[in-house]
Amino acid sequence: MIHVGIVGAGGWGKNLARNYYQIPDCTLKYVCDLDQKKLEQLRLQLPGTQVTTRFADLLADPDLQAIVVATTASTHYELCNAALRAGKDVYVEKPFVLAVSQAEELIHIAEQEKRILMVGYLLEYHPVVNRLKHLIDSGELGDVYYIYNQRVNLGAVRNDGNALWYFAPHDVSAILYLLGKEPTEVAAWGQSYLQRGIEDVVFLMLNFAGKSMAHIHVSWLDPHKIRKITVVGSKKMAVFDDLESTEKLKIYDKSAEHNTDYNTFAESITIRFGDITIPHLKIDEPLRLECQHFLDCIRERRQPLSDGRDGLRVVRVLDAAQRSLQKNGIPISIEPVF
């Protein structure tokens, strides 16, 4: 039985607490937060779980094997650092940390202490994203020309970070996971409308070797609620709409190709229209799958799919995007490190 403690009882922390409480081979031993009212609510909802306002209680408990960090992003580095040095395995919600140097240091500490370090990039555990990756890796979509992601809504406005750092980690992690490589160049544009210095909307471009590219649109100031990934390949195209209740993935047997043997411009490009396929997928709760993966990695002492190095790759992209954002979209080059 693995004993887990959660620090941070906000909206996402409560979801994590529910999952770890319900998983059979896990005991949710602690929930830690500074808000006593939140703790009292969780004490009633999760009988048998200890609640505390003292993070030190979790660090000092020798029976506690793992700590889940779901606090505000600016506290992630300090809390993860302390937990790893206390001999605890760590799961930290996105954004991992807010600086490349912090990510690199946490990876070093985890390796030094022989601890598991996992970042909560939920889409890497989503059954539809994994089907998309299979479509790409198997060659069914052909060469990936481009990917574009939309994560927009009206609300969930933050005052401790912009839409890039709070929304885009999901999409950056998914794109890097799907393509299996890092971008060579990043550019970002955004504007602050509601609060000075905090961008409410960001448009992010990623260029990859081999002519693939990706576009991400994130905003908490939009009339639509959209959670969508579109992949355009040389053979087929695919769309993942996470807000669809049943038909989350559609595969379009459509393509366009250049003909080398033609007499007129009209003959130079062939457009092909085929069927639309909606595969049947068993959609287990992605967060439950992610939590179970963390527990499996603890038990088997193996690196998670979204480990610290995966977290670093995403932070490197976000850091470059932030620098580009401050320079009004000037592209920033990224040198691969792994």
C-alpha atoms as a PDB file:
ATOM      1  CA  MET A   1       0.000   0.000   0.000  1.00  0.00           C
ATOM      2  CA  ILE A   2       1.478   3.353  -1.062  1.00  0.00           C
ATOM      3  CA  HIS A   3       0.881   6.294   1.264  1.00  0.00           C
ATOM      4  CA  VAL A   4       0.381   9.632  -0.497  1.00  0.00           C
ATOM      5  CA  GLY A   5       0.038  13.204   0.727  1.00  0.00           C
ATOM      6  CA  ILE A   6      -1.338  16.117  -1.282  1.00  0.00           C
ATOM      7  CA  VAL A   7      -0.344  19.731  -0.784  1.00  0.00           C
ATOM      8  CA  GLY A   8      -2.824  22.166  -2.333  1.00  0.00           C
ATOM      9  CA  ALA A   9      -6.584  21.709  -1.964  1.00  0.00           C
ATOM     10  CA  GLY A  10      -7.775  24.029  -4.708  1.00  0.00           C
ATOM     11  CA  GLY A  11      -9.948  23.012  -7.650  1.00  0.00           C
ATOM     12  CA  TRP A  12      -7.430  20.617  -9.211  1.00  0.00           C
ATOM     13  CA  GLY A  13      -6.025  19.496  -5.859  1.00  0.00           C
ATOM     14  CA  LYS A  14      -9.496  18.281  -4.891  1.00  0.00           C
ATOM     15  CA  ASN A  15      -9.683  16.209  -8.089  1.00  0.00           C
ATOM     16  CA  LEU A  16      -6.313  14.664  -7.342  1.00  0.00           C
ATOM     17  CA  ALA A  17      -7.344  13.943  -3.747  1.00  0.00           C
ATOM     18  CA  ARG A  18     -10.516  12.210  -4.944  1.00  0.00           C
ATOM     19  CA  ASN A  19      -8.568   9.964  -7.307  1.00  0.00           C
ATOM     20  CA  TYR A  20      -5.837   8.975  -4.879  1.00  0.00           C
ATOM     21  CA  TYR A  21      -8.477   8.356  -2.206  1.00  0.00           C
ATOM     22  CA  GLN A  22     -10.409   6.007  -4.522  1.00  0.00           C
ATOM     23  CA  ILE A  23      -7.522   4.005  -6.002  1.00  0.00           C
ATOM     24  CA  PRO A  24      -7.461   0.622  -4.183  1.00  0.00           C
ATOM     25  CA  ASP A  25      -3.678   0.199  -3.784  1.00  0.00           C
ATOM     26  CA  CYS A  26      -3.180   3.685  -2.377  1.00  0.00           C
ATOM     27  CA  THR A  27      -3.864   5.418   0.921  1.00  0.00           C
ATOM     28  CA  LEU A  28      -4.404   9.161   0.853  1.00  0.00           C
ATOM     29  CA  LYS A  29      -2.832   9.904   4.220  1.00  0.00           C
ATOM     30  CA  TYR A  30      -2.693  13.721   4.162  1.00  0.00           C
ATOM     31  CA  VAL A  31      -4.196  16.754   2.507  1.00  0.00           C
ATOM     32  CA  CYS A  32      -2.300  19.965   3.270  1.00  0.00           C
ATOM     33  CA  ASP A  33      -3.476  23.514   2.613  1.00  0.00           C
ATOM     34  CA  LEU A  34      -3.352  26.911   4.320  1.00  0.00           C
ATOM     35  CA  ASP A  35      -7.121  27.325   3.957  1.00  0.00           C
ATOM     36  CA  GLN A  36      -8.760  25.679   6.972  1.00  0.00           C
ATOM     37  CA  LYS A  37     -12.216  25.830   5.382  1.00  0.00           C
ATOM     38  CA  LYS A  38     -11.066  23.758   2.389  1.00  0.00           C
ATOM     39  CA  LEU A  39      -9.479  21.251   4.722  1.00  0.00           C
ATOM     40  CA  GLU A  40     -12.651  20.826   6.760  1.00  0.00           C
ATOM     41  CA  GLN A  41     -14.651  20.165   3.588  1.00  0.00           C
ATOM     42  CA  LEU A  42     -12.181  17.499   2.486  1.00  0.00           C
ATOM     43  CA  ARG A  43     -12.114  15.947   5.941  1.00  0.00           C
ATOM     44  CA  LEU A  44     -15.836  15.252   5.521  1.00  0.00           C
ATOM     45  CA  GLN A  45     -15.561  14.098   1.907  1.00  0.00           C
ATOM     46  CA  LEU A  46     -12.515  11.844   2.461  1.00  0.00           C
ATOM     47  CA  PRO A  47     -13.019  10.048   5.815  1.00  0.00           C
ATOM     48  CA  GLY A  48      -9.800   8.821   7.391  1.00  0.00           C
ATOM     49  CA  THR A  49      -7.576  11.350   5.639  1.00  0.00           C
ATOM     50  CA  GLN A  50      -5.540  13.613   7.916  1.00  0.00           C
ATOM     51  CA  VAL A  51      -5.680  17.341   7.158  1.00  0.00           C
ATOM     52  CA  THR A  52      -3.009  19.842   8.110  1.00  0.00           C
ATOM     53  CA  THR A  53      -1.829  23.369   7.385  1.00  0.00           C
ATOM     54  CA  ARG A  54       1.797  22.338   7.986  1.00  0.00           C
ATOM     55  CA  PHE A  55       3.754  21.024   4.998  1.00  0.00           C
ATOM     56  CA  ALA A  56       6.439  19.985   7.489  1.00  0.00           C
ATOM     57  CA  ASP A  57       4.070  17.280   8.790  1.00  0.00           C
ATOM     58  CA  LEU A  58       4.248  15.528   5.420  1.00  0.00           C
ATOM     59  CA  LEU A  59       8.017  15.837   5.176  1.00  0.00           C
ATOM     60  CA  ALA A  60       8.554  14.423   8.658  1.00  0.00           C
ATOM     61  CA  ASP A  61       6.328  11.343   8.304  1.00  0.00           C
ATOM     62  CA  PRO A  62       8.578   8.315   7.565  1.00  0.00           C
ATOM     63  CA  ASP A  63       5.607   6.261   6.332  1.00  0.00           C
ATOM     64  CA  LEU A  64       4.660   8.783   3.652  1.00  0.00           C
ATOM     65  CA  GLN A  65       6.202   7.656   0.371  1.00  0.00           C
ATOM     66  CA  ALA A  66       4.949  10.286  -2.071  1.00  0.00           C
ATOM     67  CA  ILE A  67       3.874  13.911  -2.152  1.00  0.00           C
ATOM     68  CA  VAL A  68       1.586  15.427  -4.792  1.00  0.00           C
ATOM     69  CA  VAL A  69       2.122  19.165  -5.317  1.00  0.00           C
ATOM     70  CA  ALA A  70      -0.947  21.040  -6.607  1.00  0.00           C
ATOM     71  CA  THR A  71      -0.279  24.550  -5.313  1.00  0.00           C
ATOM     72  CA  THR A  72       0.206  27.837  -7.134  1.00  0.00           C
ATOM     73  CA  ALA A  73       3.015  27.631  -9.700  1.00  0.00           C
ATOM     74  CA  SER A  74       5.367  30.022  -7.927  1.00  0.00           C
ATOM     75  CA  THR A  75       5.644  27.576  -4.987  1.00  0.00           C
ATOM     76  CA  HIS A  76       6.349  24.428  -7.013  1.00  0.00           C
ATOM     77  CA  TYR A  77      10.144  24.636  -6.977  1.00  0.00           C
ATOM     78  CA  GLU A  78      10.448  25.158  -3.223  1.00  0.00           C
ATOM     79  CA  LEU A  79       7.947  22.431  -2.317  1.00  0.00           C
ATOM     80  CA  CYS A  80       9.343  19.862  -4.766  1.00  0.00           C
ATOM     81  CA  ASN A  81      12.879  20.595  -3.637  1.00  0.00           C
ATOM     82  CA  ALA A  82      11.985  20.019   0.018  1.00  0.00           C
ATOM     83  CA  ALA A  83       9.982  16.859  -0.732  1.00  0.00           C
ATOM     84  CA  LEU A  84      12.719  15.243  -2.829  1.00  0.00           C
ATOM     85  CA  ARG A  85      15.383  16.026  -0.239  1.00  0.00           C
ATOM     86  CA  ALA A  86      13.119  14.493   2.415  1.00  0.00           C
ATOM     87  CA  GLY A  87      13.180  11.220   0.472  1.00  0.00           C
ATOM     88  CA  LYS A  88       9.686  11.477  -1.018  1.00  0.00           C
ATOM     89  CA  ASP A  89       8.662  10.657  -4.585  1.00  0.00           C
ATOM     90  CA  VAL A  90       7.029  13.696  -6.163  1.00  0.00           C
ATOM     91  CA  TYR A  91       4.196  14.376  -8.585  1.00  0.00           C
ATOM     92  CA  VAL A  92       3.865  18.081  -9.440  1.00  0.00           C
ATOM     93  CA  GLU A  93       1.050  19.685 -11.390  1.00  0.00           C
ATOM     94  CA  LYS A  94       1.676  21.842 -14.449  1.00  0.00           C
ATOM     95  CA  PRO A  95       3.297  24.235 -14.924  1.00  0.00           C
ATOM     96  CA  PHE A  96       6.242  22.221 -13.592  1.00  0.00           C
ATOM     97  CA  VAL A  97       8.286  25.255 -12.509  1.00  0.00           C
ATOM     98  CA  LEU A  98       8.735  28.785 -13.837  1.00  0.00           C
ATOM     99  CA  ALA A  99      12.428  28.677 -14.796  1.00  0.00           C
ATOM    100  CA  VAL A 100      14.647  26.336 -16.794  1.00  0.00           C
ATOM    101  CA  SER A 101      17.312  26.396 -14.070  1.00  0.00           C
ATOM    102  CA  GLN A 102      14.758  25.270 -11.470  1.00  0.00           C
ATOM    103  CA  ALA A 103      13.675  22.333 -13.647  1.00  0.00           C
ATOM    104  CA  GLU A 104      17.283  21.286 -14.194  1.00  0.00           C
ATOM    105  CA  GLU A 105      18.037  21.446 -10.480  1.00  0.00           C
ATOM    106  CA  LEU A 106      14.989  19.358  -9.502  1.00  0.00           C
ATOM    107  CA  ILE A 107      15.967  16.702 -12.049  1.00  0.00           C
ATOM    108  CA  HIS A 108      19.457  16.617 -10.548  1.00  0.00           C
ATOM    109  CA  ILE A 109      18.100  16.311  -6.984  1.00  0.00           C
ATOM    110  CA  ALA A 110      15.681  13.536  -7.985  1.00  0.00           C
ATOM    111  CA  GLU A 111      18.505  11.571  -9.618  1.00  0.00           C
ATOM    112  CA  GLN A 112      20.802  12.191  -6.662  1.00  0.00           C
ATOM    113  CA  GLU A 113      18.182  11.091  -4.138  1.00  0.00           C
ATOM    114  CA  LYS A 114      16.965   8.234  -6.379  1.00  0.00           C
ATOM    115  CA  ARG A 115      13.418   9.595  -6.257  1.00  0.00           C
ATOM    116  CA  ILE A 116      10.583   9.529  -8.800  1.00  0.00           C
ATOM    117  CA  LEU A 117       9.801  12.978 -10.247  1.00  0.00           C
ATOM    118  CA  MET A 118       6.664  13.215 -12.375  1.00  0.00           C
ATOM    119  CA  VAL A 119       4.945  16.223 -13.949  1.00  0.00           C
ATOM    120  CA  GLY A 120       1.170  16.322 -14.393  1.00  0.00           C
ATOM    121  CA  TYR A 121       0.882  16.611 -18.167  1.00  0.00           C
ATOM    122  CA  LEU A 122      -2.588  15.114 -18.337  1.00  0.00           C
ATOM    123  CA  LEU A 123      -2.918  14.863 -22.121  1.00  0.00           C
ATOM    124  CA  GLU A 124      -0.037  12.403 -22.359  1.00  0.00           C
ATOM    125  CA  TYR A 125      -2.281   9.928 -20.524  1.00  0.00           C
ATOM    126  CA  HIS A 126      -5.454  10.664 -22.463  1.00  0.00           C
ATOM    127  CA  PRO A 127      -6.634   7.644 -24.497  1.00  0.00           C
ATOM    128  CA  VAL A 128      -7.432   9.827 -27.513  1.00  0.00           C
ATOM    129  CA  VAL A 129      -4.011  11.488 -27.522  1.00  0.00           C
ATOM    130  CA  ASN A 130      -2.416   8.051 -27.340  1.00  0.00           C
ATOM    131  CA  ARG A 131      -4.505   6.900 -30.306  1.00  0.00           C
ATOM    132  CA  LEU A 132      -3.366  10.040 -32.162  1.00  0.00           C
ATOM    133  CA  LYS A 133       0.246   9.191 -31.376  1.00  0.00           C
ATOM    134  CA  HIS A 134      -0.279   5.668 -32.721  1.00  0.00           C
ATOM    135  CA  LEU A 135      -1.744   7.126 -35.930  1.00  0.00           C
ATOM    136  CA  ILE A 136       1.333   9.328 -36.313  1.00  0.00           C
ATOM    137  CA  ASP A 137       3.953   6.735 -35.352  1.00  0.00           C
ATOM    138  CA  SER A 138       2.396   4.040 -37.552  1.00  0.00           C
ATOM    139  CA  GLY A 139       2.456   6.349 -40.570  1.00  0.00           C
ATOM    140  CA  GLU A 140      -1.308   6.211 -41.090  1.00  0.00           C
ATOM    141  CA  LEU A 141      -1.504  10.007 -41.261  1.00  0.00           C
ATOM    142  CA  GLY A 142       1.632  10.213 -43.391  1.00  0.00           C
ATOM    143  CA  ASP A 143       4.135  12.983 -42.739  1.00  0.00           C
ATOM    144  CA  VAL A 144       2.773  15.458 -40.197  1.00  0.00           C
ATOM    145  CA  TYR A 145       2.549  18.847 -41.889  1.00  0.00           C
ATOM    146  CA  TYR A 146       1.203  20.804 -38.956  1.00  0.00           C
ATOM    147  CA  ILE A 147      -0.750  20.656 -35.698  1.00  0.00           C
ATOM    148  CA  TYR A 148      -2.911  23.344 -34.171  1.00  0.00           C
ATOM    149  CA  ASN A 149      -4.378  23.419 -30.686  1.00  0.00           C
ATOM    150  CA  GLN A 150      -7.099  25.612 -29.185  1.00  0.00           C
ATOM    151  CA  ARG A 151      -7.613  25.956 -25.435  1.00  0.00           C
ATOM    152  CA  VAL A 152      -9.930  28.906 -24.865  1.00  0.00           C
ATOM    153  CA  ASN A 153     -12.761  29.827 -22.531  1.00  0.00           C
ATOM    154  CA  LEU A 154     -14.324  32.776 -20.744  1.00  0.00           C
ATOM    155  CA  GLY A 155     -13.239  32.701 -17.121  1.00  0.00           C
ATOM    156  CA  ALA A 156     -10.602  31.028 -14.920  1.00  0.00           C
ATOM    157  CA  VAL A 157      -8.679  34.320 -14.942  1.00  0.00           C
ATOM    158  CA  ARG A 158      -5.411  34.121 -12.968  1.00  0.00           C
ATOM    159  CA  ASN A 159      -3.534  36.951 -11.305  1.00  0.00           C
ATOM    160  CA  ASP A 160      -0.300  35.045 -10.602  1.00  0.00           C
ATOM    161  CA  GLY A 161       0.594  34.129 -14.179  1.00  0.00           C
ATOM    162  CA  ASN A 162      -0.483  34.546 -17.779  1.00  0.00           C
ATOM    163  CA  ALA A 163      -2.451  32.304 -20.135  1.00  0.00           C
ATOM    164  CA  LEU A 164       0.794  31.008 -21.646  1.00  0.00           C
ATOM    165  CA  TRP A 165       2.070  29.450 -18.406  1.00  0.00           C
ATOM    166  CA  TYR A 166      -1.288  28.259 -17.079  1.00  0.00           C
ATOM    167  CA  PHE A 167      -2.973  26.974 -20.257  1.00  0.00           C
ATOM    168  CA  ALA A 168      -0.261  26.204 -22.827  1.00  0.00           C
ATOM    169  CA  PRO A 169       1.664  23.518 -20.854  1.00  0.00           C
ATOM    170  CA  HIS A 170      -1.120  21.046 -21.722  1.00  0.00           C
ATOM    171  CA  ASP A 171      -0.787  21.722 -25.429  1.00  0.00           C
ATOM    172  CA  VAL A 172       2.993  22.055 -25.598  1.00  0.00           C
ATOM    173  CA  SER A 173       3.415  18.728 -23.774  1.00  0.00           C
ATOM    174  CA  ALA A 174       0.880  17.051 -26.088  1.00  0.00           C
ATOM    175  CA  ILE A 175       2.555  18.330 -29.271  1.00  0.00           C
ATOM    176  CA  LEU A 176       6.056  17.333 -28.141  1.00  0.00           C
ATOM    177  CA  TYR A 177       4.686  13.932 -27.126  1.00  0.00           C
ATOM    178  CA  LEU A 178       2.872  13.396 -30.423  1.00  0.00           C
ATOM    179  CA  LEU A 179       5.822  14.416 -32.596  1.00  0.00           C
ATOM    180  CA  GLY A 180       8.487  12.885 -30.359  1.00  0.00           C
ATOM    181  CA  LYS A 181      10.831  15.849 -30.739  1.00  0.00           C
ATOM    182  CA  GLU A 182      11.504  19.387 -29.580  1.00  0.00           C
ATOM    183  CA  PRO A 183      10.942  22.514 -31.687  1.00  0.00           C
ATOM    184  CA  THR A 184      13.883  24.345 -33.181  1.00  0.00           C
ATOM    185  CA  GLU A 185      12.238  27.759 -32.926  1.00  0.00           C
ATOM    186  CA  VAL A 186       9.423  29.393 -30.953  1.00  0.00           C
ATOM    187  CA  ALA A 187       7.541  32.660 -31.436  1.00  0.00           C
ATOM    188  CA  ALA A 188       4.662  34.095 -29.385  1.00  0.00           C
ATOM    189  CA  TRP A 189       2.322  37.071 -29.478  1.00  0.00           C
ATOM    190  CA  GLY A 190      -0.149  38.114 -26.805  1.00  0.00           C
ATOM    191  CA  GLN A 191      -1.931  40.993 -25.105  1.00  0.00           C
ATOM    192  CA  SER A 192      -2.956  42.006 -21.572  1.00  0.00           C
ATOM    193  CA  TYR A 193      -6.516  43.348 -21.511  1.00  0.00           C
ATOM    194  CA  LEU A 194      -7.811  42.646 -18.002  1.00  0.00           C
ATOM    195  CA  GLN A 195      -4.661  43.071 -15.905  1.00  0.00           C
ATOM    196  CA  ARG A 196      -1.508  44.965 -16.742  1.00  0.00           C
ATOM    197  CA  GLY A 197       1.414  42.679 -17.514  1.00  0.00           C
ATOM    198  CA  ILE A 198      -0.611  39.435 -17.515  1.00  0.00           C
ATOM    199  CA  GLU A 199      -1.447  38.225 -21.011  1.00  0.00           C
ATOM    200  CA  ASP A 200      -5.045  37.030 -21.340  1.00  0.00           C
ATOM    201  CA  VAL A 201      -4.561  35.669 -24.861  1.00  0.00           C
ATOM    202  CA  VAL A 202      -1.470  34.168 -26.495  1.00  0.00           C
ATOM    203  CA  PHE A 203      -0.798  32.856 -30.002  1.00  0.00           C
ATOM    204  CA  LEU A 204       2.219  30.542 -30.028  1.00  0.00           C
ATOM    205  CA  MET A 205       4.097  29.133 -33.036  1.00  0.00           C
ATOM    206  CA  LEU A 206       6.516  26.182 -32.922  1.00  0.00           C
ATOM    207  CA  ASN A 207       8.755  25.168 -35.830  1.00  0.00           C
ATOM    208  CA  PHE A 208      10.268  21.683 -35.987  1.00  0.00           C
ATOM    209  CA  ALA A 209      12.974  20.073 -38.091  1.00  0.00           C
ATOM    210  CA  GLY A 210      11.527  18.420 -41.170  1.00  0.00           C
ATOM    211  CA  LYS A 211       9.131  21.317 -41.944  1.00  0.00           C
ATOM    212  CA  SER A 212       6.517  20.324 -39.331  1.00  0.00           C
ATOM    213  CA  MET A 213       5.029  23.201 -37.386  1.00  0.00           C
ATOM    214  CA  ALA A 214       2.445  23.782 -34.673  1.00  0.00           C
ATOM    215  CA  HIS A 215       0.200  26.627 -33.561  1.00  0.00           C
ATOM    216  CA  ILE A 216      -1.327  27.040 -30.089  1.00  0.00           C
ATOM    217  CA  HIS A 217      -4.086  29.516 -29.197  1.00  0.00           C
ATOM    218  CA  VAL A 218      -4.763  29.932 -25.479  1.00  0.00           C
ATOM    219  CA  SER A 219      -7.085  32.442 -23.826  1.00  0.00           C
ATOM    220  CA  TRP A 220      -9.338  32.934 -20.830  1.00  0.00           C
ATOM    221  CA  LEU A 221     -11.044  35.810 -22.652  1.00  0.00           C
ATOM    222  CA  ASP A 222     -13.044  34.140 -25.417  1.00  0.00           C
ATOM    223  CA  PRO A 223     -16.762  33.573 -26.107  1.00  0.00           C
ATOM    224  CA  HIS A 224     -16.213  29.890 -26.888  1.00  0.00           C
ATOM    225  CA  LYS A 225     -15.087  26.976 -24.762  1.00  0.00           C
ATOM    226  CA  ILE A 226     -12.810  24.930 -27.008  1.00  0.00           C
ATOM    227  CA  ARG A 227     -10.412  22.082 -26.243  1.00  0.00           C
ATOM    228  CA  LYS A 228      -9.311  20.806 -29.629  1.00  0.00           C
ATOM    229  CA  ILE A 229      -6.247  19.352 -31.384  1.00  0.00           C
ATOM    230  CA  THR A 230      -6.073  19.091 -35.182  1.00  0.00           C
ATOM    231  CA  VAL A 231      -3.349  17.109 -36.940  1.00  0.00           C
ATOM    232  CA  VAL A 232      -2.860  17.537 -40.701  1.00  0.00           C
ATOM    233  CA  GLY A 233      -0.806  14.847 -42.411  1.00  0.00           C
ATOM    234  CA  SER A 234       0.176  14.068 -45.975  1.00  0.00           C
ATOM    235  CA  LYS A 235      -2.192  11.050 -46.093  1.00  0.00           C
ATOM    236  CA  LYS A 236      -4.943  11.771 -43.566  1.00  0.00           C
ATOM    237  CA  MET A 237      -6.071  14.341 -41.031  1.00  0.00           C
ATOM    238  CA  ALA A 238      -7.380  13.890 -37.481  1.00  0.00           C
ATOM    239  CA  VAL A 239      -9.282  16.018 -34.971  1.00  0.00           C
ATOM    240  CA  PHE A 240      -9.513  15.444 -31.214  1.00  0.00           C
ATOM    241  CA  ASP A 241     -12.346  17.419 -29.616  1.00  0.00           C
ATOM    242  CA  ASP A 242     -12.182  16.874 -25.868  1.00  0.00           C
ATOM    243  CA  LEU A 243     -15.565  18.532 -25.299  1.00  0.00           C
ATOM    244  CA  GLU A 244     -17.374  15.914 -27.377  1.00  0.00           C
ATOM    245  CA  SER A 245     -19.089  13.405 -25.120  1.00  0.00           C
ATOM    246  CA  THR A 246     -18.688  10.337 -27.367  1.00  0.00           C
ATOM    247  CA  GLU A 247     -17.192  11.209 -30.775  1.00  0.00           C
ATOM    248  CA  LYS A 248     -13.949  12.663 -29.446  1.00  0.00           C
ATOM    249  CA  LEU A 249     -11.735  11.536 -32.336  1.00  0.00           C
ATOM    250  CA  LYS A 250     -12.464  11.867 -36.057  1.00  0.00           C
ATOM    251  CA  ILE A 251     -10.085  10.679 -38.753  1.00  0.00           C
ATOM    252  CA  TYR A 252     -10.528  12.333 -42.156  1.00  0.00           C
ATOM    253  CA  ASP A 253      -9.371  10.321 -45.156  1.00  0.00           C
ATOM    254  CA  LYS A 254      -8.497  13.530 -46.988  1.00  0.00           C
ATOM    255  CA  SER A 255      -5.264  14.753 -48.513  1.00  0.00           C
ATOM    256  CA  ALA A 256      -3.684  16.947 -51.142  1.00  0.00           C
ATOM    257  CA  GLU A 257      -0.566  16.102 -53.115  1.00  0.00           C
ATOM    258  CA  HIS A 258       1.591  17.651 -55.789  1.00  0.00           C
ATOM    259  CA  ASN A 259       1.814  15.835 -59.128  1.00  0.00           C
ATOM    260  CA  THR A 260       5.141  15.870 -60.958  1.00  0.00           C
ATOM    261  CA  ASP A 261       3.542  14.948 -64.292  1.00  0.00           C
ATOM    262  CA  TYR A 262       1.012  17.624 -65.291  1.00  0.00           C
ATOM    263  CA  ASN A 263       0.185  19.924 -68.173  1.00  0.00           C
ATOM    264  CA  THR A 264      -1.832  22.643 -66.412  1.00  0.00           C
ATOM    265  CA  PHE A 265      -1.870  24.214 -62.951  1.00  0.00           C
ATOM    266  CA  ALA A 266      -5.270  22.576 -62.287  1.00  0.00           C
ATOM    267  CA  GLU A 267      -3.613  19.186 -62.768  1.00  0.00           C
ATOM    268  CA  SER A 268      -0.628  19.980 -60.518  1.00  0.00           C
ATOM    269  CA  ILE A 269      -2.476  19.447 -57.220  1.00  0.00           C
ATOM    270  CA  THR A 270      -4.665  16.424 -56.544  1.00  0.00           C
ATOM    271  CA  ILE A 271      -7.275  16.774 -53.800  1.00  0.00           C
ATOM    272  CA  ARG A 272      -8.616  13.527 -52.373  1.00  0.00           C
ATOM    273  CA  PHE A 273     -11.813  13.258 -50.326  1.00  0.00           C
ATOM    274  CA  GLY A 274     -12.525  10.009 -48.484  1.00  0.00           C
ATOM    275  CA  ASP A 275     -14.549   8.801 -45.525  1.00  0.00           C
ATOM    276  CA  ILE A 276     -14.630  10.174 -42.012  1.00  0.00           C
ATOM    277  CA  THR A 277     -13.891   7.484 -39.419  1.00  0.00           C
ATOM    278  CA  ILE A 278     -14.938   7.758 -35.776  1.00  0.00           C
ATOM    279  CA  PRO A 279     -13.104   4.972 -33.923  1.00  0.00           C
ATOM    280  CA  HIS A 280     -14.616   3.432 -30.816  1.00  0.00           C
ATOM    281  CA  LEU A 281     -12.424   4.273 -27.828  1.00  0.00           C
ATOM    282  CA  LYS A 282     -12.733   3.307 -24.199  1.00  0.00           C
ATOM    283  CA  ILE A 283     -12.339   6.674 -22.467  1.00  0.00           C
ATOM    284  CA  ASP A 284     -11.222   6.091 -18.893  1.00  0.00           C
ATOM    285  CA  GLU A 285     -10.747   9.219 -16.809  1.00  0.00           C
ATOM    286  CA  PRO A 286      -7.319  10.568 -17.890  1.00  0.00           C
ATOM    287  CA  LEU A 287      -6.583  11.893 -14.397  1.00  0.00           C
ATOM    288  CA  ARG A 288      -7.208   8.453 -12.892  1.00  0.00           C
ATOM    289  CA  LEU A 289      -4.855   6.913 -15.480  1.00  0.00           C
ATOM    290  CA  GLU A 290      -2.230   9.519 -14.679  1.00  0.00           C
ATOM    291  CA  CYS A 291      -2.490   8.965 -10.916  1.00  0.00           C
ATOM    292  CA  GLN A 292      -2.299   5.193 -11.366  1.00  0.00           C
ATOM    293  CA  HIS A 293       0.789   5.625 -13.556  1.00  0.00           C
ATOM    294  CA  PHE A 294       2.522   7.580 -10.767  1.00  0.00           C
ATOM    295  CA  LEU A 295       1.747   4.831  -8.266  1.00  0.00           C
ATOM    296  CA  ASP A 296       2.976   2.136 -10.680  1.00  0.00           C
ATOM    297  CA  CYS A 297       6.240   4.030 -11.170  1.00  0.00           C
ATOM    298  CA  ILE A 298       6.711   4.280  -7.402  1.00  0.00           C
ATOM    299  CA  ARG A 299       6.080   0.568  -6.952  1.00  0.00           C
ATOM    300  CA  GLU A 300       8.288  -0.520  -9.866  1.00  0.00           C
ATOM    301  CA  ARG A 301      10.924   2.243  -9.445  1.00  0.00           C
ATOM    302  CA  ARG A 302      10.765   3.286 -13.089  1.00  0.00           C
ATOM    303  CA  GLN A 303      10.723   6.650 -14.813  1.00  0.00           C
ATOM    304  CA  PRO A 304       7.263   8.093 -15.572  1.00  0.00           C
ATOM    305  CA  LEU A 305       6.188   8.961 -19.081  1.00  0.00           C
ATOM    306  CA  SER A 306       6.042  12.630 -18.074  1.00  0.00           C
ATOM    307  CA  ASP A 307       9.196  12.632 -15.962  1.00  0.00           C
ATOM    308  CA  GLY A 308      11.348  15.581 -14.985  1.00  0.00           C
ATOM    309  CA  ARG A 309      13.141  15.652 -18.320  1.00  0.00           C
ATOM    310  CA  ASP A 310       9.828  15.780 -20.133  1.00  0.00           C
ATOM    311  CA  GLY A 311       8.902  18.624 -17.802  1.00  0.00           C
ATOM    312  CA  LEU A 312      12.132  20.413 -18.660  1.00  0.00           C
ATOM    313  CA  ARG A 313      11.442  20.171 -22.399  1.00  0.00           C
ATOM    314  CA  VAL A 314       8.096  21.897 -21.919  1.00  0.00           C
ATOM    315  CA  VAL A 315       9.539  24.575 -19.615  1.00  0.00           C
ATOM    316  CA  ARG A 316      12.237  25.308 -22.213  1.00  0.00           C
ATOM    317  CA  VAL A 317       9.526  25.961 -24.805  1.00  0.00           C
ATOM    318  CA  LEU A 318       7.478  28.105 -22.418  1.00  0.00           C
ATOM    319  CA  ASP A 319      10.556  30.068 -21.381  1.00  0.00           C
ATOM    320  CA  ALA A 320      11.451  30.762 -25.021  1.00  0.00           C
ATOM    321  CA  ALA A 321       7.822  31.694 -25.733  1.00  0.00           C
ATOM    322  CA  GLN A 322       7.791  34.131 -22.799  1.00  0.00           C
ATOM    323  CA  ARG A 323      10.964  35.803 -24.091  1.00  0.00           C
ATOM    324  CA  SER A 324       9.448  36.024 -27.564  1.00  0.00           C
ATOM    325  CA  LEU A 325       6.239  37.424 -26.061  1.00  0.00           C
ATOM    326  CA  GLN A 326       8.205  40.207 -24.388  1.00  0.00           C
ATOM    327  CA  LYS A 327       9.875  41.008 -27.728  1.00  0.00           C
ATOM    328  CA  ASN A 328       6.568  41.133 -29.651  1.00  0.00           C
ATOM    329  CA  GLY A 329       6.956  37.840 -31.451  1.00  0.00           C
ATOM    330  CA  ILE A 330      10.657  37.757 -32.326  1.00  0.00           C
ATOM    331  CA  PRO A 331      11.490  34.048 -32.895  1.00  0.00           C
ATOM    332  CA  ILE A 332      13.643  32.380 -30.243  1.00  0.00           C
ATOM    333  CA  SER A 333      15.841  29.415 -31.212  1.00  0.00           C
ATOM    334  CA  ILE A 334      15.923  26.305 -29.029  1.00  0.00           C
ATOM    335  CA  GLU A 335      18.875  23.930 -28.993  1.00  0.00           C
ATOM    336  CA  PRO A 336      17.849  20.331 -28.185  1.00  0.00           C
ATOM    337  CA  VAL A 337      19.451  18.927 -25.038  1.00  0.00           C
ATOM    338  CA  PHE A 338      18.121  15.347 -25.020  1.00  0.00           C
END
